[in-house]
Amino acid sequence: MSKTVSDLQIKKLQHAYQCWDADKDGKMTLDDYKLYAHKIATRGGLNTESESSKLVTEQFLKLFGPILHAADKNQDGVVTEEEFVEYFITNFIVKKDISQHISIAANIFKMIDGDGDGKISPSEYILAQWGWGISEESAKKAFSLMDLNNDGFITYDEYEKHFSDYWLSSDPNVPGNNFFGMLDDEPHKK
């Protein structure tokens, strides 16, 4: 592994992989994003056959499909943890650039901001984290750390900063380390 990559950064990539593996089977496929969208739609009170639910699924596949395709080194339709970590090290950490993925962050922010008021409430954040397998307790702790101005919401500027810090920072004290729930908490298993 490159000396430009810290143990903390590796830990964050492994944590993200565990979160994004929505069915917790140890491999990541497009079905994980379909499952995540289904879980969010169901928990959010949407009929899974509704147009809104289908739109959520389409948005997730549109956002994450290209990343999964690029990370799938052998193009077998499955992204292993090793492939995932290598992709993000090569394309984010070593380059120290996530600008190509800021639009993804913006779109995810809009999807989490269920009422469209331009900020993420604790309940919206907890719902999104729940879909990744993050406990409510872990999501609440992470939310309180990432609400930098303590106004009870995460603004887009706060969200984008935490997104960037999660993928790029090797500082163990930045709140963005907890972008996917508290870093030391394991996502729920199946």
C-alpha atoms as a PDB file:
ATOM      1  CA  MET A   1       0.000   0.000   0.000  1.00  0.00           C
ATOM      2  CA  SER A   2       1.201   3.496  -0.774  1.00  0.00           C
ATOM      3  CA  LYS A   3       2.695   5.537   2.038  1.00  0.00           C
ATOM      4  CA  THR A   4       0.234   8.297   1.117  1.00  0.00           C
ATOM      5  CA  VAL A   5      -2.582   6.168   2.530  1.00  0.00           C
ATOM      6  CA  SER A   6      -3.024   6.034   6.290  1.00  0.00           C
ATOM      7  CA  ASP A   7      -4.418   3.171   8.330  1.00  0.00           C
ATOM      8  CA  LEU A   8      -7.363   5.447   9.160  1.00  0.00           C
ATOM      9  CA  GLN A   9      -8.116   5.945   5.469  1.00  0.00           C
ATOM     10  CA  ILE A  10      -8.038   2.190   4.874  1.00  0.00           C
ATOM     11  CA  LYS A  11     -10.365   1.701   7.865  1.00  0.00           C
ATOM     12  CA  LYS A  12     -12.811   4.269   6.441  1.00  0.00           C
ATOM     13  CA  LEU A  13     -12.807   2.567   3.034  1.00  0.00           C
ATOM     14  CA  GLN A  14     -13.457  -0.811   4.635  1.00  0.00           C
ATOM     15  CA  HIS A  15     -16.260   0.730   6.715  1.00  0.00           C
ATOM     16  CA  ALA A  16     -17.835   2.288   3.601  1.00  0.00           C
ATOM     17  CA  TYR A  17     -17.652  -1.072   1.845  1.00  0.00           C
ATOM     18  CA  GLN A  18     -19.452  -2.746   4.743  1.00  0.00           C
ATOM     19  CA  CYS A  19     -22.146  -0.067   4.590  1.00  0.00           C
ATOM     20  CA  TRP A  20     -22.592  -0.198   0.820  1.00  0.00           C
ATOM     21  CA  ASP A  21     -22.829  -4.004   0.885  1.00  0.00           C
ATOM     22  CA  ALA A  22     -26.520  -3.611   1.724  1.00  0.00           C
ATOM     23  CA  ASP A  23     -27.324  -7.316   1.929  1.00  0.00           C
ATOM     24  CA  LYS A  24     -24.172  -7.940   4.005  1.00  0.00           C
ATOM     25  CA  ASP A  25     -23.080 -10.914   1.908  1.00  0.00           C
ATOM     26  CA  GLY A  26     -19.457  -9.797   1.587  1.00  0.00           C
ATOM     27  CA  LYS A  27     -19.735  -8.673  -2.035  1.00  0.00           C
ATOM     28  CA  MET A  28     -21.080  -5.561  -3.644  1.00  0.00           C
ATOM     29  CA  THR A  29     -23.347  -5.598  -6.699  1.00  0.00           C
ATOM     30  CA  LEU A  30     -26.014  -3.377  -8.196  1.00  0.00           C
ATOM     31  CA  ASP A  31     -28.513  -5.447  -6.220  1.00  0.00           C
ATOM     32  CA  ASP A  32     -27.135  -3.829  -3.063  1.00  0.00           C
ATOM     33  CA  TYR A  33     -28.268  -0.420  -4.345  1.00  0.00           C
ATOM     34  CA  LYS A  34     -31.657  -1.779  -5.337  1.00  0.00           C
ATOM     35  CA  LEU A  35     -31.998  -3.213  -1.826  1.00  0.00           C
ATOM     36  CA  TYR A  36     -30.893   0.067  -0.234  1.00  0.00           C
ATOM     37  CA  ALA A  37     -33.432   2.031  -2.277  1.00  0.00           C
ATOM     38  CA  HIS A  38     -36.134  -0.516  -1.417  1.00  0.00           C
ATOM     39  CA  LYS A  39     -35.322  -0.294   2.297  1.00  0.00           C
ATOM     40  CA  ILE A  40     -35.415   3.506   2.243  1.00  0.00           C
ATOM     41  CA  ALA A  41     -38.671   3.595   0.270  1.00  0.00           C
ATOM     42  CA  THR A  42     -40.317   1.095   2.621  1.00  0.00           C
ATOM     43  CA  ARG A  43     -39.090   2.751   5.803  1.00  0.00           C
ATOM     44  CA  GLY A  44     -39.997   6.156   4.367  1.00  0.00           C
ATOM     45  CA  GLY A  45     -43.570   5.006   3.871  1.00  0.00           C
ATOM     46  CA  LEU A  46     -43.507   4.689   0.088  1.00  0.00           C
ATOM     47  CA  ASN A  47     -45.248   1.862  -1.712  1.00  0.00           C
ATOM     48  CA  THR A  48     -42.373  -0.035  -3.337  1.00  0.00           C
ATOM     49  CA  GLU A  49     -44.317  -0.159  -6.610  1.00  0.00           C
ATOM     50  CA  SER A  50     -44.940   3.600  -6.629  1.00  0.00           C
ATOM     51  CA  GLU A  51     -43.312   5.941  -9.111  1.00  0.00           C
ATOM     52  CA  SER A  52     -41.512   7.701  -6.224  1.00  0.00           C
ATOM     53  CA  SER A  53     -40.010   4.430  -5.056  1.00  0.00           C
ATOM     54  CA  LYS A  54     -38.957   3.506  -8.577  1.00  0.00           C
ATOM     55  CA  LEU A  55     -37.393   6.958  -8.996  1.00  0.00           C
ATOM     56  CA  VAL A  56     -35.321   6.478  -5.814  1.00  0.00           C
ATOM     57  CA  THR A  57     -34.051   3.146  -7.160  1.00  0.00           C
ATOM     58  CA  GLU A  58     -33.246   4.646 -10.562  1.00  0.00           C
ATOM     59  CA  GLN A  59     -31.371   7.539  -8.953  1.00  0.00           C
ATOM     60  CA  PHE A  60     -29.255   5.223  -6.833  1.00  0.00           C
ATOM     61  CA  LEU A  61     -28.402   2.996  -9.775  1.00  0.00           C
ATOM     62  CA  LYS A  62     -27.556   6.040 -11.883  1.00  0.00           C
ATOM     63  CA  LEU A  63     -25.298   7.438  -9.173  1.00  0.00           C
ATOM     64  CA  PHE A  64     -23.555   4.310  -8.005  1.00  0.00           C
ATOM     65  CA  GLY A  65     -23.636   2.118 -11.105  1.00  0.00           C
ATOM     66  CA  PRO A  66     -20.695   3.879 -12.788  1.00  0.00           C
ATOM     67  CA  ILE A  67     -18.608   3.683  -9.599  1.00  0.00           C
ATOM     68  CA  LEU A  68     -19.314  -0.022  -9.223  1.00  0.00           C
ATOM     69  CA  HIS A  69     -18.487  -0.629 -12.871  1.00  0.00           C
ATOM     70  CA  ALA A  70     -15.183   1.263 -12.575  1.00  0.00           C
ATOM     71  CA  ALA A  71     -14.244  -0.473  -9.300  1.00  0.00           C
ATOM     72  CA  ASP A  72     -15.048  -3.943 -10.671  1.00  0.00           C
ATOM     73  CA  LYS A  73     -11.558  -4.640 -11.945  1.00  0.00           C
ATOM     74  CA  ASN A  74     -12.299  -8.052 -13.478  1.00  0.00           C
ATOM     75  CA  GLN A  75     -15.788  -6.983 -14.693  1.00  0.00           C
ATOM     76  CA  ASP A  76     -17.560  -9.967 -13.134  1.00  0.00           C
ATOM     77  CA  GLY A  77     -20.423  -7.851 -11.784  1.00  0.00           C
ATOM     78  CA  VAL A  78     -19.140  -8.173  -8.210  1.00  0.00           C
ATOM     79  CA  VAL A  79     -16.961  -5.644  -6.399  1.00  0.00           C
ATOM     80  CA  THR A  80     -14.835  -7.223  -3.709  1.00  0.00           C
ATOM     81  CA  GLU A  81     -13.616  -5.255  -0.710  1.00  0.00           C
ATOM     82  CA  GLU A  82     -10.114  -5.359  -2.200  1.00  0.00           C
ATOM     83  CA  GLU A  83     -11.330  -3.919  -5.524  1.00  0.00           C
ATOM     84  CA  PHE A  84     -13.365  -1.262  -3.714  1.00  0.00           C
ATOM     85  CA  VAL A  85     -10.465  -0.160  -1.507  1.00  0.00           C
ATOM     86  CA  GLU A  86      -8.043  -0.109  -4.429  1.00  0.00           C
ATOM     87  CA  TYR A  87     -10.436   1.931  -6.584  1.00  0.00           C
ATOM     88  CA  PHE A  88     -10.957   4.593  -3.929  1.00  0.00           C
ATOM     89  CA  ILE A  89      -7.268   4.782  -3.027  1.00  0.00           C
ATOM     90  CA  THR A  90      -6.305   5.221  -6.668  1.00  0.00           C
ATOM     91  CA  ASN A  91      -9.110   7.575  -7.661  1.00  0.00           C
ATOM     92  CA  PHE A  92      -9.605   9.631  -4.515  1.00  0.00           C
ATOM     93  CA  ILE A  93      -6.834   9.423  -1.930  1.00  0.00           C
ATOM     94  CA  VAL A  94      -3.721   9.329  -4.123  1.00  0.00           C
ATOM     95  CA  LYS A  95      -5.110  12.026  -6.430  1.00  0.00           C
ATOM     96  CA  LYS A  96      -6.382  13.995  -3.397  1.00  0.00           C
ATOM     97  CA  ASP A  97      -9.338  14.913  -5.562  1.00  0.00           C
ATOM     98  CA  ILE A  98     -12.993  14.075  -5.256  1.00  0.00           C
ATOM     99  CA  SER A  99     -14.230  16.854  -7.541  1.00  0.00           C
ATOM    100  CA  GLN A 100     -15.527  14.329 -10.072  1.00  0.00           C
ATOM    101  CA  HIS A 101     -17.760  12.895  -7.346  1.00  0.00           C
ATOM    102  CA  ILE A 102     -19.031  16.130  -5.752  1.00  0.00           C
ATOM    103  CA  SER A 103     -22.062  15.960  -8.048  1.00  0.00           C
ATOM    104  CA  ILE A 104     -22.789  12.532  -6.539  1.00  0.00           C
ATOM    105  CA  ALA A 105     -22.625  14.081  -3.075  1.00  0.00           C
ATOM    106  CA  ALA A 106     -25.029  16.813  -4.183  1.00  0.00           C
ATOM    107  CA  ASN A 107     -27.486  14.272  -5.560  1.00  0.00           C
ATOM    108  CA  ILE A 108     -27.278  12.090  -2.458  1.00  0.00           C
ATOM    109  CA  PHE A 109     -27.867  15.184  -0.323  1.00  0.00           C
ATOM    110  CA  LYS A 110     -31.028  15.964  -2.322  1.00  0.00           C
ATOM    111  CA  MET A 111     -32.257  12.399  -1.917  1.00  0.00           C
ATOM    112  CA  ILE A 112     -31.638  12.398   1.845  1.00  0.00           C
ATOM    113  CA  ASP A 113     -33.303  15.815   2.177  1.00  0.00           C
ATOM    114  CA  GLY A 114     -36.733  14.238   1.938  1.00  0.00           C
ATOM    115  CA  ASP A 115     -38.741  17.424   2.437  1.00  0.00           C
ATOM    116  CA  GLY A 116     -36.569  19.445   0.046  1.00  0.00           C
ATOM    117  CA  ASP A 117     -35.873  22.262   2.502  1.00  0.00           C
ATOM    118  CA  GLY A 118     -32.150  22.384   1.680  1.00  0.00           C
ATOM    119  CA  LYS A 119     -30.949  20.809   4.902  1.00  0.00           C
ATOM    120  CA  ILE A 120     -30.870  17.347   6.423  1.00  0.00           C
ATOM    121  CA  SER A 121     -32.781  16.847   9.658  1.00  0.00           C
ATOM    122  CA  PRO A 122     -31.822  14.221  12.227  1.00  0.00           C
ATOM    123  CA  SER A 123     -34.715  11.990  11.138  1.00  0.00           C
ATOM    124  CA  GLU A 124     -33.741  12.238   7.450  1.00  0.00           C
ATOM    125  CA  TYR A 125     -30.126  11.433   8.284  1.00  0.00           C
ATOM    126  CA  ILE A 126     -31.071   8.509  10.526  1.00  0.00           C
ATOM    127  CA  LEU A 127     -33.307   7.064   7.787  1.00  0.00           C
ATOM    128  CA  ALA A 128     -30.509   7.259   5.203  1.00  0.00           C
ATOM    129  CA  GLN A 129     -27.995   5.730   7.608  1.00  0.00           C
ATOM    130  CA  TRP A 130     -30.447   2.987   8.564  1.00  0.00           C
ATOM    131  CA  GLY A 131     -30.511   1.927   4.920  1.00  0.00           C
ATOM    132  CA  TRP A 132     -26.751   1.369   5.067  1.00  0.00           C
ATOM    133  CA  GLY A 133     -27.148  -0.737   8.196  1.00  0.00           C
ATOM    134  CA  ILE A 134     -26.122   1.955  10.673  1.00  0.00           C
ATOM    135  CA  SER A 135     -27.878   1.825  14.038  1.00  0.00           C
ATOM    136  CA  GLU A 136     -30.029   4.747  15.136  1.00  0.00           C
ATOM    137  CA  GLU A 137     -27.695   5.367  18.075  1.00  0.00           C
ATOM    138  CA  SER A 138     -24.618   5.503  15.832  1.00  0.00           C
ATOM    139  CA  ALA A 139     -26.420   7.761  13.339  1.00  0.00           C
ATOM    140  CA  LYS A 140     -27.502  10.152  16.110  1.00  0.00           C
ATOM    141  CA  LYS A 141     -23.936  10.407  17.443  1.00  0.00           C
ATOM    142  CA  ALA A 142     -22.543  10.986  13.952  1.00  0.00           C
ATOM    143  CA  PHE A 143     -25.216  13.588  13.183  1.00  0.00           C
ATOM    144  CA  SER A 144     -24.366  15.568  16.319  1.00  0.00           C
ATOM    145  CA  LEU A 145     -20.683  15.618  15.343  1.00  0.00           C
ATOM    146  CA  MET A 146     -21.385  16.653  11.764  1.00  0.00           C
ATOM    147  CA  ASP A 147     -23.848  19.424  12.640  1.00  0.00           C
ATOM    148  CA  LEU A 148     -20.963  21.884  12.903  1.00  0.00           C
ATOM    149  CA  ASN A 149     -23.002  24.938  13.881  1.00  0.00           C
ATOM    150  CA  ASN A 150     -25.308  22.986  16.216  1.00  0.00           C
ATOM    151  CA  ASP A 151     -28.483  24.263  14.576  1.00  0.00           C
ATOM    152  CA  GLY A 152     -30.071  20.807  14.447  1.00  0.00           C
ATOM    153  CA  PHE A 153     -29.490  20.328  10.710  1.00  0.00           C
ATOM    154  CA  ILE A 154     -26.721  19.401   8.305  1.00  0.00           C
ATOM    155  CA  THR A 155     -26.498  21.990   5.551  1.00  0.00           C
ATOM    156  CA  TYR A 156     -25.160  21.185   2.107  1.00  0.00           C
ATOM    157  CA  ASP A 157     -21.877  22.971   2.915  1.00  0.00           C
ATOM    158  CA  GLU A 158     -21.456  20.837   6.039  1.00  0.00           C
ATOM    159  CA  TYR A 159     -22.397  17.704   4.085  1.00  0.00           C
ATOM    160  CA  GLU A 160     -19.921  18.403   1.285  1.00  0.00           C
ATOM    161  CA  LYS A 161     -17.116  19.087   3.798  1.00  0.00           C
ATOM    162  CA  HIS A 162     -17.802  15.794   5.599  1.00  0.00           C
ATOM    163  CA  PHE A 163     -18.021  13.930   2.281  1.00  0.00           C
ATOM    164  CA  SER A 164     -14.604  15.281   1.313  1.00  0.00           C
ATOM    165  CA  ASP A 165     -13.097  14.603   4.745  1.00  0.00           C
ATOM    166  CA  TYR A 166     -14.398  11.039   4.769  1.00  0.00           C
ATOM    167  CA  TRP A 167     -12.687  10.139   1.515  1.00  0.00           C
ATOM    168  CA  LEU A 168      -9.532  12.264   1.775  1.00  0.00           C
ATOM    169  CA  SER A 169      -8.610  13.158   5.355  1.00  0.00           C
ATOM    170  CA  SER A 170      -6.149  11.205   7.445  1.00  0.00           C
ATOM    171  CA  ASP A 171      -6.885  13.403  10.483  1.00  0.00           C
ATOM    172  CA  PRO A 172      -8.507  11.207  13.152  1.00  0.00           C
ATOM    173  CA  ASN A 173     -10.339  14.201  14.633  1.00  0.00           C
ATOM    174  CA  VAL A 174     -12.451  15.405  11.711  1.00  0.00           C
ATOM    175  CA  PRO A 175     -16.185  14.845  12.173  1.00  0.00           C
ATOM    176  CA  GLY A 176     -16.460  13.660   8.554  1.00  0.00           C
ATOM    177  CA  ASN A 177     -14.794  10.390   9.571  1.00  0.00           C
ATOM    178  CA  ASN A 178     -18.266   9.466  10.789  1.00  0.00           C
ATOM    179  CA  PHE A 179     -20.031  10.151   7.477  1.00  0.00           C
ATOM    180  CA  PHE A 180     -21.404   6.591   7.508  1.00  0.00           C
ATOM    181  CA  GLY A 181     -22.258   6.442  11.187  1.00  0.00           C
ATOM    182  CA  MET A 182     -19.660   6.297  13.917  1.00  0.00           C
ATOM    183  CA  LEU A 183     -16.518   4.860  12.366  1.00  0.00           C
ATOM    184  CA  ASP A 184     -15.909   2.439  15.220  1.00  0.00           C
ATOM    185  CA  ASP A 185     -19.450   1.033  15.016  1.00  0.00           C
ATOM    186  CA  GLU A 186     -19.948  -1.900  12.677  1.00  0.00           C
ATOM    187  CA  PRO A 187     -22.856  -1.741  10.261  1.00  0.00           C
ATOM    188  CA  HIS A 188     -25.570  -4.238  11.132  1.00  0.00           C
ATOM    189  CA  LYS A 189     -25.218  -7.649   9.643  1.00  0.00           C
ATOM    190  CA  LYS A 190     -28.066  -9.140   7.576  1.00  0.00           C
END
